[in-house]
Amino acid sequence: MGTDSVLVGCGAGFSGDRLDAAAPVVRSLIRAKRPAAIMFETLGERTLALAQLARMENPDKGYEPLLERLLAPILEACLQHNIRILGNFGAANPLAAAKAIAGLGRRLGCRPMRIAVVQGDDLVAAGQLGALEDESGRPLAFGPVISANAYLGAAPLVEALQAGADIVVSGRVADPSLALAPFIHHHGWALDDWQRLACGTLAGHLLECGAQVTGGYYADPGFKDVPDPHDIGFPIVAMQGDGDFTIGKADTGGGLVDRHTVTEQILYEIHDPSRYLTPDVTLDITNVELDDSVQNEVRVRGAVGHARPERLKVTVGYDGGWLGEGEISYAGPNAAARAKLALDVIRRRIGPDISMRGDIIGVASVFNDDAGQWLSQHMAPSSDVRLRIAVSSPDRAIAARAAEEVLALYTCGPAGGGGARGNTRRRIATASAYIRRDLVKTRIEMLE
């Protein structure tokens, strides 16, 4: 790859990713002695909903709960070597996340840093709920809305980098945009250079899920073997100014990057391969070519870009009521039948008017349905199963019955149940909407 290339590595592909994954990436970036950045992608619809709940309970929270543990191993090294850090780990509270990073830097004795906070994705704060539309452009109205967050693109992240930010903290930014921004910033690409933006977006799409592209989710023993999956190196892209790029991985003993792993990740979450919509560009991957002639490195060419959509996607969060869960294990002779009897007992006690699901893990869970029809048709003997009951309701007391009824099985039977546990938690339901791009106003707040 040419000397004008910029490197972007991935330190996390979701909230809950390995906390030790970023350090080998940073070490590899430092050894390369080229302009570099590292992205942390920790935000999905589910994690954003959880963040909104956390902020409702504590206005100082609502950002990635593992943020300080993610950054502590690499913050000082990144600042020393001018490796920019970008992350959507701000979730529902980017400013609080930035303050937490500043506090972490002080505790670690890091040099002074500039932290840019990207604002503008929060449409509730902006008073733009009335502008939400469905996929066909018709106005949308929801019940009591807790949150509404637009998927921002790379432009405000580029603005932050141009302002000298060492760290860029955002809320809901499209995953590939976290990588696209340093490509644009380093190479000086125009925000309407659809061809190069398509290449950068494809690179970001490959990076966004961390080890998925370096053998993690690819692994299937005996069919798709991956060396040392306990030590998988997370991905790194080297991007040239013309949009050609290679993807490899951090220098660890584990993982795999070849045309198969890259192909799987390219197709991940792609609906129309000729028209993958992002806030930055419409990406066409139908002519992409891969060259894996170098071990653990794939050269990617052929992405095509078209004008970006005129609307931005929005994730809307609203009150989803309460979810109660209870679990108990049955083992030994006739265990599955005893678990099925316990399920039938609880279903009759809770009644048909309450939303309930019962799974017998070890017999039917993933393939099962809420009504239990699949379980009834595929009931099979097993000597080791776990019964799971879930109750959904707007009323917390009703949802809590899942755990209560499971616990009562200890003496109410059937025989041999053990290891009961349960919980009741509030839920935010999510839905997708759209908003005109020109109605979403972004701004940068800089913490010195």
Foldseek 3Di string as FASTA:
>chain_A
DDQLWEKEFELAQEQPGDLPQVLLVLVQNLVVLHHAAYEYEHDDLALLQVLLVVCVVPVLTSFRPCLLSNCLVCVQVCLVSLHAYEYQRCRPHQVSSVVVVQVSCVVVVHDDFKEKEKDFQWCVVVVCQQQWFAPVRHTDDDDDFSTKGWAAAQVVVLVCVVVPGRYYYYHRHPQLRRQLSVLCNSLVDDLFPFFLSLLSSLVSLLQNRWQLLFAAVVDDPPPRHWPPNVWTFTKMKIADNVSKIKIAGRPDRTTFHDPVSSVVSSCPPDDQQCFCAHQRWTKHCPQWDWDCPDGRMIIIDDIGTDHHDQKTKMKIWDWQAKKKKKKKKAADFQRLVFLVVLVVVLDVVLDDVWQKAKDKAVFDDPPADSVRPVCVVGPDDDGITMMMMMTGDNDQVSNNVNLVSNVVCVPVDDPGIDDMDMDMDTGIDIDMIIGGPVSGDMDMDMDD
